[in-house]
Amino acid sequence: MEPVRVGIIGCGNIYQMHAHPLSHMQGTQLAAVCDILPQRAEAAAGRYGCAAYTDYKDMIENAGLQAVHICLPHYLHPPVAIYAMEQGLDVVTEKPMGIAYADALRMRETSLAAGRRLGVIFQNRYNPGTRLVKEALDSGRLGKIYGMRCEVAWHRDQAYYDSAGWRGRWDTEGGGVIINQAIHTLDLMRWFAGREIESIAASIAHRGPTSIEVEDTAEGLITFAGGLQGLFYLTVNYSRDARTLLELDCEKGTARLDAARGCIRFADGQVEEADEDGSDAAQYGGGKDYWGFSHYRQIRDFYEDPTGETADRSCQEALLTQAMICGIYEAARKGQTVRLSRPAAAAR
């Protein structure tokens, strides 16, 4: 069987986390890359031995692709994904689906109407520690969840925002620490809860020295069906990128995610742990440590599942997380607890 010909749209920091797996997996061929900066597109193409483009529509029309990966600023995810699917291509996009929930829903509906697969990267779901905790919850070994809390304390200075003009702006990034840095941890909390969100109370602020429009600090309370509460505190004003924390207080013990490492301490004294062992490090050509190795795992599953169920599930889950993120911003803007009343996601 011929490998799937794939193109990458956007050759910024994150593209290599897609390019390296695509160029190493047996079922895919990285055929083309695209970036509006010619030198960046050419450098990526030279590194991976593929064609370079500066216009994604030109690439889609002429590179003979079956799929594209979107590594663009947040506000561009919906229009580019929708165009690609309407041209008959499958799509993998970086998080978030978009800025507005309506745009994310339109991406989902286009996927269904066009009969194309749409996958959304939330790679931390594939981390060993995450899998350990999720299995213990699903099997009932941890029992009922009593409470959840998460914390993200990272560092983003003015140079970070100045390095790309779309960062730090409401109309192009859609927010700050919530929608960008902490979205993965919030996604895991919602996934572990395993139930619908009933209400959200939150506050956001810009407290640091940077000159940005969006929040650099946020805190809040998410109430899930049945009264389960999840607390969060998020900031990018710390002195360094500390390891993210997600903790669950459960009937039969406590579970803790410390970045990719998972640790469960059961009430009977037993302890179970899981962490990266470095075996997947060769799948990447660099990148930041906190990105982890799980892009490879999620991308592999997207292409190795002939049924399309893996992509469909990731899209549905990403849409629910988009609703949560938009709900947090809505609650913060209104200064009051809001109930989520989103239109139901289209079903396959």
Protein backbone atom coordinates (compact mmCIF):
# COMPACT_ATOMS: atom_id res chain seq x y z
CA MET A 1 0.00 0.00 0.00
CA GLU A 2 1.28 3.44 -0.91
CA PRO A 3 2.00 5.77 2.03
CA VAL A 4 -0.35 8.67 2.71
CA ARG A 5 1.07 11.87 1.24
CA VAL A 6 0.92 14.56 3.92
CA GLY A 7 1.64 18.28 3.94
CA ILE A 8 2.31 20.56 6.90
CA ILE A 9 0.94 24.10 6.93
CA GLY A 10 3.05 26.31 9.18
CA CYS A 11 6.74 25.76 9.92
CA GLY A 12 7.08 27.51 13.27
CA ASN A 13 8.17 26.01 16.58
CA ILE A 14 5.71 23.12 16.73
CA TYR A 15 5.92 21.83 13.15
CA GLN A 16 8.85 19.51 13.86
CA MET A 17 6.69 17.58 16.32
CA HIS A 18 4.60 16.63 13.28
CA ALA A 19 7.30 16.49 10.63
CA HIS A 20 9.58 14.05 12.38
CA PRO A 21 6.89 11.43 13.12
CA LEU A 22 5.42 11.77 9.61
CA SER A 23 8.84 11.24 8.04
CA HIS A 24 9.55 8.16 10.18
CA MET A 25 6.25 6.28 10.17
CA GLN A 26 5.89 3.59 7.50
CA GLY A 27 2.37 4.60 6.48
CA THR A 28 3.04 8.27 5.80
CA GLN A 29 5.21 10.39 3.53
CA LEU A 30 5.91 14.02 4.32
CA ALA A 31 5.49 15.34 0.78
CA ALA A 32 5.34 19.10 1.29
CA VAL A 33 5.56 21.94 3.80
CA CYS A 34 4.16 25.45 3.63
CA ASP A 35 4.95 28.73 5.35
CA ILE A 36 4.36 32.35 4.37
CA LEU A 37 8.05 33.00 5.06
CA PRO A 38 9.91 31.46 2.08
CA GLN A 39 13.15 30.93 4.00
CA ARG A 40 11.35 29.03 6.73
CA ALA A 41 9.49 26.82 4.26
CA GLU A 42 12.67 26.11 2.33
CA ALA A 43 14.62 25.29 5.48
CA ALA A 44 11.94 22.80 6.60
CA ALA A 45 11.73 21.29 3.11
CA GLY A 46 15.50 20.90 2.98
CA ARG A 47 15.57 19.20 6.35
CA TYR A 48 12.92 16.64 5.43
CA GLY A 49 13.51 16.30 1.70
CA CYS A 50 10.13 17.50 0.50
CA ALA A 51 8.59 20.32 -1.54
CA ALA A 52 8.26 23.87 -0.20
CA TYR A 53 5.27 26.19 -0.69
CA THR A 54 4.32 29.65 0.53
CA ASP A 55 0.57 29.34 -0.19
CA TYR A 56 -1.37 26.51 1.43
CA LYS A 57 -4.05 26.51 -1.28
CA ASP A 58 -1.32 26.14 -3.90
CA MET A 59 0.13 23.23 -1.92
CA ILE A 60 -3.24 21.52 -1.58
CA GLU A 61 -3.93 21.91 -5.29
CA ASN A 62 -0.55 20.81 -6.63
CA ALA A 63 1.28 18.56 -4.13
CA GLY A 64 -0.93 15.48 -4.55
CA LEU A 65 -1.79 15.26 -0.85
CA GLN A 66 -4.28 13.11 1.04
CA ALA A 67 -3.89 14.93 4.37
CA VAL A 68 -2.55 18.11 5.92
CA HIS A 69 -1.37 19.03 9.39
CA ILE A 70 -2.12 22.56 10.60
CA CYS A 71 0.53 24.24 12.77
CA LEU A 72 -0.72 27.82 12.51
CA PRO A 73 -1.87 30.59 14.89
CA HIS A 74 -5.15 29.76 16.62
CA TYR A 75 -7.40 32.02 14.58
CA LEU A 76 -6.34 30.31 11.33
CA HIS A 77 -7.19 26.76 12.39
CA PRO A 78 -10.89 26.87 11.38
CA PRO A 79 -10.67 28.46 7.91
CA VAL A 80 -7.68 26.40 6.82
CA ALA A 81 -9.07 23.12 8.18
CA ILE A 82 -12.46 23.73 6.58
CA TYR A 83 -10.90 24.58 3.22
CA ALA A 84 -8.71 21.47 3.27
CA MET A 85 -11.60 19.15 4.15
CA GLU A 86 -13.79 20.70 1.47
CA GLN A 87 -11.00 19.88 -1.00
CA GLY A 88 -11.16 16.22 0.07
CA LEU A 89 -8.23 16.05 2.52
CA ASP A 90 -8.05 14.66 6.02
CA VAL A 91 -6.82 17.12 8.65
CA VAL A 92 -4.79 17.03 11.84
CA THR A 93 -4.67 20.37 13.64
CA GLU A 94 -2.84 21.60 16.67
CA LYS A 95 -4.92 22.69 19.65
CA PRO A 96 -7.16 24.57 20.10
CA MET A 97 -9.74 23.93 17.39
CA GLY A 98 -10.15 27.70 17.16
CA ILE A 99 -10.95 30.78 19.19
CA ALA A 100 -14.77 30.67 19.11
CA TYR A 101 -16.93 27.65 19.86
CA ALA A 102 -19.05 28.32 16.75
CA ASP A 103 -15.97 28.00 14.54
CA ALA A 104 -14.97 24.74 16.21
CA LEU A 105 -18.47 23.36 15.70
CA ARG A 106 -18.33 24.35 12.04
CA MET A 107 -15.08 22.40 11.67
CA ARG A 108 -16.78 19.33 13.12
CA GLU A 109 -19.81 19.72 10.86
CA THR A 110 -17.59 20.15 7.79
CA SER A 111 -15.73 16.95 8.68
CA LEU A 112 -19.00 15.04 8.78
CA ALA A 113 -20.44 16.62 5.64
CA ALA A 114 -17.25 16.08 3.62
CA GLY A 115 -16.63 12.60 5.01
CA ARG A 116 -13.11 13.55 6.03
CA ARG A 117 -11.23 12.75 9.22
CA LEU A 118 -10.44 15.64 11.56
CA GLY A 119 -8.00 15.03 14.41
CA VAL A 120 -7.07 17.57 17.08
CA ILE A 121 -3.78 17.27 18.93
CA PHE A 122 -4.08 16.79 22.68
CA GLN A 123 -0.97 14.67 22.99
CA ASN A 124 -0.83 14.63 26.79
CA ARG A 125 -3.69 12.14 26.79
CA TYR A 126 -1.14 9.65 25.45
CA ASN A 127 1.44 10.17 28.21
CA PRO A 128 2.20 7.07 30.30
CA GLY A 129 1.15 8.76 33.53
CA THR A 130 -2.11 9.93 32.00
CA ARG A 131 -2.90 6.44 30.74
CA LEU A 132 -2.22 4.96 34.17
CA VAL A 133 -4.64 7.33 35.89
CA LYS A 134 -7.32 7.02 33.20
CA GLU A 135 -7.26 3.21 33.39
CA ALA A 136 -7.53 3.27 37.17
CA LEU A 137 -10.56 5.58 36.92
CA ASP A 138 -12.31 3.65 34.15
CA SER A 139 -11.79 0.30 35.85
CA GLY A 140 -13.15 1.59 39.16
CA ARG A 141 -9.90 0.90 41.00
CA LEU A 142 -9.84 4.49 42.28
CA GLY A 143 -13.56 4.61 43.00
CA LYS A 144 -15.51 7.83 43.01
CA ILE A 145 -13.72 11.14 42.42
CA TYR A 146 -14.29 13.54 45.33
CA GLY A 147 -12.37 16.53 43.99
CA MET A 148 -9.80 17.69 41.42
CA ARG A 149 -7.26 20.48 41.19
CA CYS A 150 -4.69 21.57 38.64
CA GLU A 151 -1.89 24.10 38.54
CA VAL A 152 0.20 25.50 35.71
CA ALA A 153 3.03 27.89 36.64
CA TRP A 154 5.18 28.76 33.64
CA HIS A 155 7.26 31.69 32.44
CA ARG A 156 6.53 33.82 29.37
CA ASP A 157 8.43 37.08 28.97
CA GLN A 158 8.02 39.92 26.48
CA ALA A 159 10.48 38.31 24.07
CA TYR A 160 8.12 35.33 23.77
CA TYR A 161 5.21 37.51 22.72
CA ASP A 162 7.37 39.66 20.45
CA SER A 163 8.63 36.56 18.62
CA ALA A 164 5.27 36.14 16.86
CA GLY A 165 2.83 38.96 16.23
CA TRP A 166 -0.28 36.84 16.82
CA ARG A 167 0.60 36.05 20.43
CA GLY A 168 -0.93 38.04 23.25
CA ARG A 169 -3.88 39.30 21.21
CA TRP A 170 -7.55 38.46 21.64
CA ASP A 171 -8.33 38.40 17.92
CA THR A 172 -5.51 36.06 16.91
CA GLU A 173 -4.62 33.97 19.98
CA GLY A 174 -8.06 34.10 21.60
CA GLY A 175 -6.63 34.51 25.08
CA GLY A 176 -3.47 33.76 27.00
CA VAL A 177 -2.55 31.19 29.61
CA ILE A 178 -5.96 29.47 29.46
CA ILE A 179 -6.25 28.77 25.73
CA ASN A 180 -2.55 28.34 25.06
CA GLN A 181 -0.36 27.07 27.89
CA ALA A 182 -2.91 25.44 30.24
CA ILE A 183 -5.39 24.00 27.76
CA HIS A 184 -3.77 20.55 27.90
CA THR A 185 -4.05 20.30 31.70
CA LEU A 186 -7.63 21.59 31.69
CA ASP A 187 -8.44 19.06 28.96
CA LEU A 188 -7.11 16.22 31.10
CA MET A 189 -9.14 17.36 34.09
CA ARG A 190 -12.32 17.37 32.01
CA TRP A 191 -11.44 13.96 30.51
CA PHE A 192 -10.79 12.41 33.91
CA ALA A 193 -14.05 13.82 35.27
CA GLY A 194 -15.86 11.89 32.55
CA ARG A 195 -19.09 13.86 32.84
CA GLU A 196 -20.72 16.99 31.51
CA ILE A 197 -19.86 20.42 32.83
CA GLU A 198 -22.71 22.13 34.64
CA SER A 199 -21.22 25.51 35.49
CA ILE A 200 -18.02 27.54 35.55
CA ALA A 201 -16.85 30.39 37.78
CA ALA A 202 -13.55 32.05 36.91
CA SER A 203 -11.47 35.19 36.97
CA ILE A 204 -8.66 36.30 34.70
CA ALA A 205 -6.06 39.06 35.00
CA HIS A 206 -2.97 40.51 33.41
CA ARG A 207 -0.60 40.87 36.35
CA GLY A 208 2.87 40.60 34.87
CA PRO A 209 5.17 43.17 33.24
CA THR A 210 4.43 42.14 29.64
CA SER A 211 2.60 44.39 27.20
CA ILE A 212 -0.17 42.05 26.05
CA GLU A 213 -3.95 42.26 25.75
CA VAL A 214 -4.75 38.84 27.15
CA GLU A 215 -4.64 37.20 30.57
CA ASP A 216 -1.43 35.87 32.07
CA THR A 217 -3.16 34.58 35.23
CA ALA A 218 -6.44 32.73 35.80
CA GLU A 219 -8.22 30.84 38.54
CA GLY A 220 -11.59 29.21 38.83
CA LEU A 221 -13.97 26.43 39.69
CA ILE A 222 -15.57 24.01 37.24
CA THR A 223 -18.60 22.10 38.50
CA PHE A 224 -19.35 18.85 36.73
CA ALA A 225 -22.59 16.84 36.75
CA GLY A 226 -23.19 15.25 40.14
CA GLY A 227 -21.48 18.10 41.97
CA LEU A 228 -17.87 17.13 41.27
CA GLN A 229 -15.69 20.25 41.45
CA GLY A 230 -12.42 20.97 39.69
CA LEU A 231 -10.20 23.85 40.82
CA PHE A 232 -7.57 25.51 38.66
CA TYR A 233 -4.82 28.09 39.07
CA LEU A 234 -2.82 29.12 36.01
CA THR A 235 -0.07 31.68 35.46
CA VAL A 236 2.83 32.45 33.16
CA ASN A 237 4.44 34.84 35.66
CA TYR A 238 6.60 32.25 37.43
CA SER A 239 10.40 32.38 37.18
CA ARG A 240 10.58 29.17 35.12
CA ASP A 241 8.42 26.49 33.51
CA ALA A 242 7.53 24.36 36.52
CA ARG A 243 6.07 20.90 36.02
CA THR A 244 2.31 20.97 35.64
CA LEU A 245 0.20 19.45 38.40
CA LEU A 246 -3.11 17.64 38.24
CA GLU A 247 -4.38 15.91 41.39
CA LEU A 248 -7.47 13.79 42.03
CA ASP A 249 -8.84 13.01 45.48
CA CYS A 250 -10.69 9.71 45.10
CA GLU A 251 -12.64 7.21 47.17
CA LYS A 252 -9.87 4.60 47.08
CA GLY A 253 -6.79 6.80 46.93
CA THR A 254 -5.20 9.83 45.32
CA ALA A 255 -3.86 10.21 41.80
CA ARG A 256 -1.32 12.81 40.81
CA LEU A 257 0.07 13.84 37.43
CA ASP A 258 3.37 15.66 37.68
CA ALA A 259 3.92 16.57 34.01
CA ALA A 260 4.12 13.18 32.21
CA ARG A 261 4.69 11.23 35.44
CA GLY A 262 1.68 9.61 37.06
CA CYS A 263 1.52 8.34 40.64
CA ILE A 264 -1.41 6.64 42.35
CA ARG A 265 -1.38 6.07 46.09
CA PHE A 266 -4.15 3.71 47.04
CA ALA A 267 -5.77 3.77 50.49
CA ASP A 268 -4.44 0.25 51.19
CA GLY A 269 -0.85 1.48 50.80
CA GLN A 270 -0.16 0.27 47.29
CA VAL A 271 1.57 2.68 44.91
CA GLU A 272 1.57 2.59 41.11
CA GLU A 273 3.71 4.86 38.94
CA ALA A 274 4.31 5.45 35.24
CA ASP A 275 6.57 7.88 33.40
CA GLU A 276 8.38 8.35 30.11
CA ASP A 277 11.37 6.04 29.74
CA GLY A 278 12.97 7.88 26.84
CA SER A 279 12.22 5.15 24.30
CA ASP A 280 10.25 7.51 22.06
CA ALA A 281 12.79 10.33 22.14
CA ALA A 282 14.27 9.19 18.81
CA GLN A 283 10.98 10.01 17.09
CA TYR A 284 11.67 13.73 17.36
CA GLY A 285 14.15 16.20 16.05
CA GLY A 286 14.15 18.45 19.09
CA GLY A 287 11.46 20.50 20.77
CA LYS A 288 10.69 21.67 24.26
CA ASP A 289 10.82 19.13 27.08
CA TYR A 290 7.27 19.81 28.26
CA TRP A 291 5.86 18.94 24.81
CA GLY A 292 6.78 15.34 25.59
CA PHE A 293 6.90 12.47 23.12
CA SER A 294 3.21 11.83 22.61
CA HIS A 295 2.68 13.69 19.35
CA TYR A 296 4.11 10.58 17.72
CA ARG A 297 1.61 8.33 19.50
CA GLN A 298 -1.44 10.38 18.58
CA ILE A 299 -0.34 10.92 14.96
CA ARG A 300 0.40 7.21 14.59
CA ASP A 301 -3.08 6.31 15.88
CA PHE A 302 -4.69 8.77 13.48
CA TYR A 303 -3.15 7.06 10.45
CA GLU A 304 -3.19 3.47 11.66
CA ASP A 305 -6.92 3.39 12.44
CA PRO A 306 -8.69 2.51 9.15
CA THR A 307 -12.13 3.05 10.69
CA GLY A 308 -11.54 6.73 11.42
CA GLU A 309 -12.91 6.25 14.93
CA THR A 310 -9.72 7.55 16.57
CA ALA A 311 -9.93 10.83 14.68
CA ASP A 312 -13.67 11.12 15.26
CA ARG A 313 -13.26 10.61 18.99
CA SER A 314 -10.44 13.17 19.21
CA CYS A 315 -12.58 15.71 17.35
CA GLN A 316 -15.59 15.19 19.62
CA GLU A 317 -13.42 15.46 22.71
CA ALA A 318 -11.68 18.60 21.41
CA LEU A 319 -15.06 20.21 20.80
CA LEU A 320 -16.06 19.58 24.41
CA THR A 321 -12.79 21.09 25.60
CA GLN A 322 -13.35 24.09 23.33
CA ALA A 323 -16.75 24.62 24.98
CA MET A 324 -15.07 24.49 28.41
CA ILE A 325 -12.35 26.99 27.44
CA CYS A 326 -14.89 29.40 25.95
CA GLY A 327 -17.03 28.95 29.08
CA ILE A 328 -14.12 29.96 31.31
CA TYR A 329 -13.61 33.16 29.35
CA GLU A 330 -17.34 33.88 29.36
CA ALA A 331 -17.54 33.46 33.14
CA ALA A 332 -14.52 35.71 33.64
CA ARG A 333 -15.86 38.43 31.35
CA LYS A 334 -19.29 38.41 33.01
CA GLY A 335 -17.88 38.16 36.52
CA GLN A 336 -20.43 35.51 37.45
CA THR A 337 -21.01 31.77 37.35
CA VAL A 338 -22.19 30.62 33.93
CA ARG A 339 -23.95 27.45 32.89
CA LEU A 340 -22.84 25.82 29.66
CA SER A 341 -25.60 25.77 27.07
CA ARG A 342 -23.74 24.83 23.92
CA PRO A 343 -25.49 23.28 20.89
CA ALA A 344 -24.99 19.55 20.77
CA ALA A 345 -22.06 18.40 18.65
CA ALA A 346 -23.04 16.74 15.40
CA ALA A 347 -22.92 12.96 15.68
CA ARG A 348 -21.49 10.67 13.05
